[in-house]
PDB file of N, CA and C in Angstrom:
ATOM      1  N   MET A   1       0.828  -1.179   0.000  1.00  0.00           N
ATOM      2  CA  MET A   1       0.000   0.000   0.000  1.00  0.00           C
ATOM      3  C   MET A   1       0.873   1.243   0.000  1.00  0.00           C
ATOM      4  N   GLY A   2       0.213   2.366  -0.124  1.00  0.00           N
ATOM      5  CA  GLY A   2       0.956   3.613  -0.095  1.00  0.00           C
ATOM      6  C   GLY A   2       1.459   3.983  -1.476  1.00  0.00           C
ATOM      7  N   GLY A   3       2.527   4.693  -1.526  1.00  0.00           N
ATOM      8  CA  GLY A   3       3.083   5.138  -2.785  1.00  0.00           C
ATOM      9  C   GLY A   3       3.636   6.532  -2.620  1.00  0.00           C
ATOM     10  N   SER A   4       4.364   6.937  -3.610  1.00  0.00           N
ATOM     11  CA  SER A   4       5.001   8.246  -3.554  1.00  0.00           C
ATOM     12  C   SER A   4       4.104   9.318  -4.167  1.00  0.00           C
ATOM     13  N   LEU A   5       4.500  10.546  -3.959  1.00  0.00           N
ATOM     14  CA  LEU A   5       3.796  11.672  -4.571  1.00  0.00           C
ATOM     15  C   LEU A   5       3.808  11.519  -6.091  1.00  0.00           C
ATOM     16  N   GLN A   6       4.918  11.065  -6.641  1.00  0.00           N
ATOM     17  CA  GLN A   6       5.002  10.852  -8.095  1.00  0.00           C
ATOM     18  C   GLN A   6       3.977   9.837  -8.561  1.00  0.00           C
ATOM     19  N   ASP A   7       3.796   8.768  -7.793  1.00  0.00           N
ATOM     20  CA  ASP A   7       2.803   7.750  -8.154  1.00  0.00           C
ATOM     21  C   ASP A   7       1.398   8.338  -8.128  1.00  0.00           C
ATOM     22  N   ALA A   8       1.117   9.133  -7.101  1.00  0.00           N
ATOM     23  CA  ALA A   8      -0.209   9.742  -6.981  1.00  0.00           C
ATOM     24  C   ALA A   8      -0.474  10.693  -8.147  1.00  0.00           C
ATOM     25  N   LEU A   9       0.516  11.516  -8.486  1.00  0.00           N
ATOM     26  CA  LEU A   9       0.359  12.439  -9.612  1.00  0.00           C
ATOM     27  C   LEU A   9       0.196  11.693 -10.936  1.00  0.00           C
ATOM     28  N   ALA A  10       0.936  10.606 -11.091  1.00  0.00           N
ATOM     29  CA  ALA A  10       0.799   9.795 -12.305  1.00  0.00           C
ATOM     30  C   ALA A  10      -0.615   9.233 -12.415  1.00  0.00           C
ATOM     31  N   ASP A  11      -1.172   8.790 -11.282  1.00  0.00           N
ATOM     32  CA  ASP A  11      -2.549   8.289 -11.285  1.00  0.00           C
ATOM     33  C   ASP A  11      -3.533   9.391 -11.664  1.00  0.00           C
ATOM     34  N   ILE A  12      -3.364  10.568 -11.097  1.00  0.00           N
ATOM     35  CA  ILE A  12      -4.259  11.688 -11.409  1.00  0.00           C
ATOM     36  C   ILE A  12      -4.239  11.982 -12.903  1.00  0.00           C
ATOM     37  N   TYR A  13      -3.053  12.072 -13.473  1.00  0.00           N
ATOM     38  CA  TYR A  13      -2.950  12.373 -14.901  1.00  0.00           C
ATOM     39  C   TYR A  13      -3.507  11.241 -15.755  1.00  0.00           C
ATOM     40  N   ALA A  14      -3.292   9.986 -15.351  1.00  0.00           N
ATOM     41  CA  ALA A  14      -3.811   8.843 -16.113  1.00  0.00           C
ATOM     42  C   ALA A  14      -5.339   8.823 -16.086  1.00  0.00           C
ATOM     43  N   ILE A  15      -5.927   9.141 -14.939  1.00  0.00           N
ATOM     44  CA  ILE A  15      -7.390   9.185 -14.840  1.00  0.00           C
ATOM     45  C   ILE A  15      -7.936  10.323 -15.688  1.00  0.00           C
ATOM     46  N   ARG A  16      -7.333  11.490 -15.567  1.00  0.00           N
ATOM     47  CA  ARG A  16      -7.815  12.660 -16.322  1.00  0.00           C
ATOM     48  C   ARG A  16      -7.651  12.471 -17.831  1.00  0.00           C
ATOM     49  N   ALA A  17      -6.621  11.723 -18.240  1.00  0.00           N
ATOM     50  CA  ALA A  17      -6.382  11.479 -19.669  1.00  0.00           C
ATOM     51  C   ALA A  17      -7.223  10.324 -20.210  1.00  0.00           C
ATOM     52  N   GLY A  18      -7.902   9.612 -19.322  1.00  0.00           N
ATOM     53  CA  GLY A  18      -8.718   8.489 -19.757  1.00  0.00           C
ATOM     54  C   GLY A  18      -7.932   7.214 -20.003  1.00  0.00           C
ATOM     55  N   ILE A  19      -6.703   7.165 -19.508  1.00  0.00           N
ATOM     56  CA  ILE A  19      -5.847   5.994 -19.689  1.00  0.00           C
ATOM     57  C   ILE A  19      -6.191   4.912 -18.678  1.00  0.00           C
ATOM     58  N   LYS A  20      -6.594   5.342 -17.466  1.00  0.00           N
ATOM     59  CA  LYS A  20      -6.981   4.435 -16.390  1.00  0.00           C
ATOM     60  C   LYS A  20      -8.267   4.940 -15.769  1.00  0.00           C
ATOM     61  N   THR A  21      -8.943   4.045 -15.083  1.00  0.00           N
ATOM     62  CA  THR A  21     -10.101   4.471 -14.307  1.00  0.00           C
ATOM     63  C   THR A  21      -9.675   4.673 -12.860  1.00  0.00           C
ATOM     64  N   TRP A  22     -10.507   5.402 -12.132  1.00  0.00           N
ATOM     65  CA  TRP A  22     -10.269   5.599 -10.708  1.00  0.00           C
ATOM     66  C   TRP A  22     -10.240   4.240 -10.011  1.00  0.00           C
ATOM     67  N   GLN A  23     -11.147   3.348 -10.415  1.00  0.00           N
ATOM     68  CA  GLN A  23     -11.220   2.028  -9.802  1.00  0.00           C
ATOM     69  C   GLN A  23      -9.921   1.244 -10.000  1.00  0.00           C
ATOM     70  N   GLU A  24      -9.333   1.342 -11.184  1.00  0.00           N
ATOM     71  CA  GLU A  24      -8.051   0.656 -11.432  1.00  0.00           C
ATOM     72  C   GLU A  24      -6.966   1.166 -10.489  1.00  0.00           C
ATOM     73  N   CYS A  25      -6.886   2.477 -10.361  1.00  0.00           N
ATOM     74  CA  CYS A  25      -5.854   3.072  -9.506  1.00  0.00           C
ATOM     75  C   CYS A  25      -6.033   2.671  -8.055  1.00  0.00           C
ATOM     76  N   VAL A  26      -7.265   2.667  -7.571  1.00  0.00           N
ATOM     77  CA  VAL A  26      -7.536   2.259  -6.193  1.00  0.00           C
ATOM     78  C   VAL A  26      -7.152   0.795  -5.998  1.00  0.00           C
ATOM     79  N   SER A  27      -7.536  -0.059  -6.940  1.00  0.00           N
ATOM     80  CA  SER A  27      -7.219  -1.488  -6.854  1.00  0.00           C
ATOM     81  C   SER A  27      -5.714  -1.730  -6.856  1.00  0.00           C
ATOM     82  N   GLU A  28      -4.985  -0.988  -7.680  1.00  0.00           N
ATOM     83  CA  GLU A  28      -3.533  -1.141  -7.756  1.00  0.00           C
ATOM     84  C   GLU A  28      -2.855  -0.803  -6.428  1.00  0.00           C
ATOM     85  N   ARG A  29      -3.525  -0.019  -5.606  1.00  0.00           N
ATOM     86  CA  ARG A  29      -2.971   0.348  -4.297  1.00  0.00           C
ATOM     87  C   ARG A  29      -3.459  -0.595  -3.198  1.00  0.00           C
ATOM     88  N   GLY A  30      -4.124  -1.676  -3.600  1.00  0.00           N
ATOM     89  CA  GLY A  30      -4.516  -2.701  -2.648  1.00  0.00           C
ATOM     90  C   GLY A  30      -5.831  -2.463  -1.930  1.00  0.00           C
ATOM     91  N   ARG A  31      -6.607  -1.508  -2.401  1.00  0.00           N
ATOM     92  CA  ARG A  31      -7.900  -1.210  -1.766  1.00  0.00           C
ATOM     93  C   ARG A  31      -9.033  -1.688  -2.656  1.00  0.00           C
ATOM     94  N   ASN A  32     -10.196  -1.882  -2.058  1.00  0.00           N
ATOM     95  CA  ASN A  32     -11.397  -2.254  -2.785  1.00  0.00           C
ATOM     96  C   ASN A  32     -12.125  -0.966  -3.172  1.00  0.00           C
ATOM     97  N   PRO A  33     -12.308  -0.704  -4.485  1.00  0.00           N
ATOM     98  CA  PRO A  33     -12.947   0.548  -4.910  1.00  0.00           C
ATOM     99  C   PRO A  33     -14.331   0.776  -4.298  1.00  0.00           C
ATOM    100  N   THR A  34     -15.118  -0.280  -4.113  1.00  0.00           N
ATOM    101  CA  THR A  34     -16.446  -0.138  -3.522  1.00  0.00           C
ATOM    102  C   THR A  34     -16.341   0.338  -2.071  1.00  0.00           C
ATOM    103  N   ASP A  35     -15.380  -0.213  -1.332  1.00  0.00           N
ATOM    104  CA  ASP A  35     -15.169   0.214   0.051  1.00  0.00           C
ATOM    105  C   ASP A  35     -14.704   1.663   0.115  1.00  0.00           C
ATOM    106  N   VAL A  36     -13.775   2.030  -0.755  1.00  0.00           N
ATOM    107  CA  VAL A  36     -13.252   3.396  -0.766  1.00  0.00           C
ATOM    108  C   VAL A  36     -14.362   4.374  -1.133  1.00  0.00           C
ATOM    109  N   MET A  37     -15.197   4.019  -2.108  1.00  0.00           N
ATOM    110  CA  MET A  37     -16.309   4.888  -2.504  1.00  0.00           C
ATOM    111  C   MET A  37     -17.272   5.090  -1.336  1.00  0.00           C
ATOM    112  N   ALA A  38     -17.583   4.022  -0.607  1.00  0.00           N
ATOM    113  CA  ALA A  38     -18.474   4.138   0.552  1.00  0.00           C
ATOM    114  C   ALA A  38     -17.860   5.055   1.612  1.00  0.00           C
ATOM    115  N   GLU A  39     -16.551   4.930   1.825  1.00  0.00           N
ATOM    116  CA  GLU A  39     -15.866   5.803   2.788  1.00  0.00           C
ATOM    117  C   GLU A  39     -15.928   7.259   2.339  1.00  0.00           C
ATOM    118  N   LEU A  40     -15.710   7.504   1.051  1.00  0.00           N
ATOM    119  CA  LEU A  40     -15.748   8.874   0.528  1.00  0.00           C
ATOM    120  C   LEU A  40     -17.142   9.475   0.658  1.00  0.00           C
ATOM    121  N   ILE A  41     -18.164   8.686   0.332  1.00  0.00           N
ATOM    122  CA  ILE A  41     -19.538   9.176   0.448  1.00  0.00           C
ATOM    123  C   ILE A  41     -19.851   9.538   1.899  1.00  0.00           C
ATOM    124  N   ALA A  42     -19.499   8.651   2.819  1.00  0.00           N
ATOM    125  CA  ALA A  42     -19.762   8.914   4.242  1.00  0.00           C
ATOM    126  C   ALA A  42     -19.005  10.151   4.717  1.00  0.00           C
ATOM    127  N   PHE A  43     -17.741  10.270   4.312  1.00  0.00           N
ATOM    128  CA  PHE A  43     -16.939  11.419   4.725  1.00  0.00           C
ATOM    129  C   PHE A  43     -17.503  12.716   4.147  1.00  0.00           C
ATOM    130  N   ASN A  44     -17.825  12.722   2.849  1.00  0.00           N
ATOM    131  CA  ASN A  44     -18.365  13.929   2.219  1.00  0.00           C
ATOM    132  C   ASN A  44     -19.704  14.331   2.840  1.00  0.00           C
ATOM    133  N   THR A  45     -20.537  13.351   3.177  1.00  0.00           N
ATOM    134  CA  THR A  45     -21.817  13.636   3.827  1.00  0.00           C
ATOM    135  C   THR A  45     -21.590  14.314   5.178  1.00  0.00           C
ATOM    136  N   MET A  46     -20.629  13.802   5.932  1.00  0.00           N
ATOM    137  CA  MET A  46     -20.316  14.373   7.236  1.00  0.00           C
ATOM    138  C   MET A  46     -19.763  15.799   7.097  1.00  0.00           C
ATOM    139  N   ILE A  47     -18.861  15.998   6.160  1.00  0.00           N
ATOM    140  CA  ILE A  47     -18.272  17.325   5.935  1.00  0.00           C
ATOM    141  C   ILE A  47     -19.344  18.312   5.502  1.00  0.00           C
ATOM    142  N   ASP A  48     -20.214  17.886   4.563  1.00  0.00           N
ATOM    143  CA  ASP A  48     -21.280  18.766   4.083  1.00  0.00           C
ATOM    144  C   ASP A  48     -22.258  19.114   5.199  1.00  0.00           C
ATOM    145  N   ALA A  49     -22.596  18.141   6.047  1.00  0.00           N
ATOM    146  CA  ALA A  49     -23.524  18.382   7.157  1.00  0.00           C
ATOM    147  C   ALA A  49     -22.955  19.412   8.133  1.00  0.00           C
ATOM    148  N   GLY A  50     -21.638  19.414   8.285  1.00  0.00           N
ATOM    149  CA  GLY A  50     -20.979  20.376   9.154  1.00  0.00           C
ATOM    150  C   GLY A  50     -20.695  21.707   8.487  1.00  0.00           C
ATOM    151  N   LYS A  51     -21.094  21.817   7.204  1.00  0.00           N
ATOM    152  CA  LYS A  51     -20.882  23.037   6.410  1.00  0.00           C
ATOM    153  C   LYS A  51     -19.401  23.426   6.347  1.00  0.00           C
ATOM    154  N   LEU A  52     -18.554  22.390   6.291  1.00  0.00           N
ATOM    155  CA  LEU A  52     -17.117  22.618   6.179  1.00  0.00           C
ATOM    156  C   LEU A  52     -16.691  22.589   4.720  1.00  0.00           C
ATOM    157  N   VAL A  53     -15.700  23.393   4.383  1.00  0.00           N
ATOM    158  CA  VAL A  53     -15.094  23.359   3.055  1.00  0.00           C
ATOM    159  C   VAL A  53     -13.614  23.091   3.258  1.00  0.00           C
ATOM    160  N   LEU A  54     -13.167  21.929   2.798  1.00  0.00           N
ATOM    161  CA  LEU A  54     -11.757  21.576   2.904  1.00  0.00           C
ATOM    162  C   LEU A  54     -11.048  21.921   1.606  1.00  0.00           C
ATOM    163  N   ASP A  55      -9.837  22.402   1.723  1.00  0.00           N
ATOM    164  CA  ASP A  55      -9.038  22.742   0.551  1.00  0.00           C
ATOM    165  C   ASP A  55      -8.819  21.520  -0.347  1.00  0.00           C
ATOM    166  N   SER A  56      -8.891  20.335   0.229  1.00  0.00           N
ATOM    167  CA  SER A  56      -8.642  19.111  -0.534  1.00  0.00           C
ATOM    168  C   SER A  56      -9.888  18.578  -1.231  1.00  0.00           C
ATOM    169  N   ASP A  57     -11.027  19.261  -1.118  1.00  0.00           N
ATOM    170  CA  ASP A  57     -12.286  18.793  -1.698  1.00  0.00           C
ATOM    171  C   ASP A  57     -12.459  19.337  -3.112  1.00  0.00           C
ATOM    172  N   PRO A  58     -12.245  18.488  -4.154  1.00  0.00           N
ATOM    173  CA  PRO A  58     -12.323  18.978  -5.528  1.00  0.00           C
ATOM    174  C   PRO A  58     -13.738  19.376  -5.944  1.00  0.00           C
ATOM    175  N   ARG A  59     -14.743  19.004  -5.148  1.00  0.00           N
ATOM    176  CA  ARG A  59     -16.108  19.448  -5.434  1.00  0.00           C
ATOM    177  C   ARG A  59     -16.268  20.934  -5.161  1.00  0.00           C
ATOM    178  N   LYS A  60     -15.385  21.472  -4.316  1.00  0.00           N
ATOM    179  CA  LYS A  60     -15.567  22.852  -3.875  1.00  0.00           C
ATOM    180  C   LYS A  60     -14.374  23.761  -4.140  1.00  0.00           C
ATOM    181  N   THR A  61     -13.182  23.195  -4.217  1.00  0.00           N
ATOM    182  CA  THR A  61     -12.003  24.019  -4.475  1.00  0.00           C
ATOM    183  C   THR A  61     -11.137  23.383  -5.554  1.00  0.00           C
ATOM    184  N   SER A  62     -10.414  24.225  -6.253  1.00  0.00           N
ATOM    185  CA  SER A  62      -9.488  23.737  -7.269  1.00  0.00           C
ATOM    186  C   SER A  62      -8.196  23.279  -6.608  1.00  0.00           C
ATOM    187  N   ARG A  63      -7.328  22.699  -7.381  1.00  0.00           N
ATOM    188  CA  ARG A  63      -6.033  22.258  -6.865  1.00  0.00           C
ATOM    189  C   ARG A  63      -5.239  23.419  -6.263  1.00  0.00           C
ATOM    190  N   ALA A  64      -5.496  24.626  -6.781  1.00  0.00           N
ATOM    191  CA  ALA A  64      -4.812  25.820  -6.285  1.00  0.00           C
ATOM    192  C   ALA A  64      -5.514  26.423  -5.069  1.00  0.00           C
ATOM    193  N   GLY A  65      -6.625  25.801  -4.625  1.00  0.00           N
ATOM    194  CA  GLY A  65      -7.334  26.298  -3.466  1.00  0.00           C
ATOM    195  C   GLY A  65      -8.387  27.346  -3.782  1.00  0.00           C
ATOM    196  N   LEU A  66      -8.684  27.538  -5.065  1.00  0.00           N
ATOM    197  CA  LEU A  66      -9.689  28.519  -5.468  1.00  0.00           C
ATOM    198  C   LEU A  66     -11.067  27.868  -5.493  1.00  0.00           C
ATOM    199  N   THR A  67     -12.096  28.657  -5.264  1.00  0.00           N
ATOM    200  CA  THR A  67     -13.465  28.138  -5.282  1.00  0.00           C
ATOM    201  C   THR A  67     -13.825  27.701  -6.693  1.00  0.00           C
ATOM    202  N   GLN A  68     -14.448  26.513  -6.802  1.00  0.00           N
ATOM    203  CA  GLN A  68     -14.912  26.010  -8.091  1.00  0.00           C
ATOM    204  C   GLN A  68     -16.199  26.736  -8.469  1.00  0.00           C
ATOM    205  N   ALA A  69     -16.383  27.014  -9.771  1.00  0.00           N
ATOM    206  CA  ALA A  69     -17.628  27.591 -10.258  1.00  0.00           C
ATOM    207  C   ALA A  69     -18.726  26.540 -10.164  1.00  0.00           C
ATOM    208  N   ARG A  70     -19.916  26.927  -9.800  1.00  0.00           N
ATOM    209  CA  ARG A  70     -21.053  26.020  -9.678  1.00  0.00           C
ATOM    210  C   ARG A  70     -21.969  26.187 -10.881  1.00  0.00           C
ATOM    211  N   SER A  71     -22.563  25.101 -11.356  1.00  0.00           N
ATOM    212  CA  SER A  71     -23.534  25.220 -12.427  1.00  0.00           C
ATOM    213  C   SER A  71     -24.702  26.050 -11.899  1.00  0.00           C
ATOM    214  N   GLY A  72     -25.200  26.931 -12.738  1.00  0.00           N
ATOM    215  CA  GLY A  72     -26.289  27.798 -12.312  1.00  0.00           C
ATOM    216  C   GLY A  72     -25.817  29.093 -11.685  1.00  0.00           C
ATOM    217  N   SER A  73     -24.519  29.181 -11.370  1.00  0.00           N
ATOM    218  CA  SER A  73     -24.013  30.430 -10.801  1.00  0.00           C
ATOM    219  C   SER A  73     -23.686  31.389 -11.938  1.00  0.00           C
ATOM    220  N   PRO A  74     -23.686  32.698 -11.679  1.00  0.00           N
ATOM    221  CA  PRO A  74     -23.377  33.656 -12.733  1.00  0.00           C
ATOM    222  C   PRO A  74     -22.014  33.413 -13.371  1.00  0.00           C
ATOM    223  N   ILE A  75     -21.033  32.981 -12.582  1.00  0.00           N
ATOM    224  CA  ILE A  75     -19.696  32.742 -13.127  1.00  0.00           C
ATOM    225  C   ILE A  75     -19.690  31.538 -14.045  1.00  0.00           C
ATOM    226  N   ALA A  76     -20.322  30.437 -13.627  1.00  0.00           N
ATOM    227  CA  ALA A  76     -20.322  29.200 -14.411  1.00  0.00           C
ATOM    228  C   ALA A  76     -21.018  29.392 -15.743  1.00  0.00           C
ATOM    229  N   GLY A  77     -22.028  30.230 -15.808  1.00  0.00           N
ATOM    230  CA  GLY A  77     -22.778  30.404 -17.052  1.00  0.00           C
ATOM    231  C   GLY A  77     -22.170  31.394 -18.019  1.00  0.00           C
ATOM    232  N   ASN A  78     -21.085  32.062 -17.652  1.00  0.00           N
ATOM    233  CA  ASN A  78     -20.513  33.102 -18.500  1.00  0.00           C
ATOM    234  C   ASN A  78     -19.217  32.714 -19.163  1.00  0.00           C
ATOM    235  N   ALA A  79     -18.863  31.443 -19.170  1.00  0.00           N
ATOM    236  CA  ALA A  79     -17.618  31.025 -19.817  1.00  0.00           C
ATOM    237  C   ALA A  79     -17.781  31.137 -21.321  1.00  0.00           C
ATOM    238  N   THR A  80     -16.820  31.800 -21.955  1.00  0.00           N
ATOM    239  CA  THR A  80     -16.850  31.924 -23.413  1.00  0.00           C
ATOM    240  C   THR A  80     -15.496  31.545 -23.974  1.00  0.00           C
ATOM    241  N   ALA A  81     -15.510  30.934 -25.144  1.00  0.00           N
ATOM    242  CA  ALA A  81     -14.257  30.575 -25.817  1.00  0.00           C
ATOM    243  C   ALA A  81     -13.689  31.797 -26.501  1.00  0.00           C
ATOM    244  N   ARG A  82     -12.399  31.898 -26.507  1.00  0.00           N
ATOM    245  CA  ARG A  82     -11.727  33.028 -27.176  1.00  0.00           C
ATOM    246  C   ARG A  82     -10.814  32.489 -28.232  1.00  0.00           C
TER     247      ARG A  82
END
């Protein structure tokens, strides 16, 4: 189990590029994807109930720690290609 920062970054890029699935990456680290998903759901439910925003939550902040645009928000609806 475990792994280096390089391994984690490689997994992120592979998932984002469509080369691997999240489930593959979790399995390769010795975890059961169904168990990990249940843990994430329970944790996110608890965090949301407490009205907490963690910098590590990609649903709410970007990798740089900036707030993510929400669908239906004025910012999310104004993206234009240049």
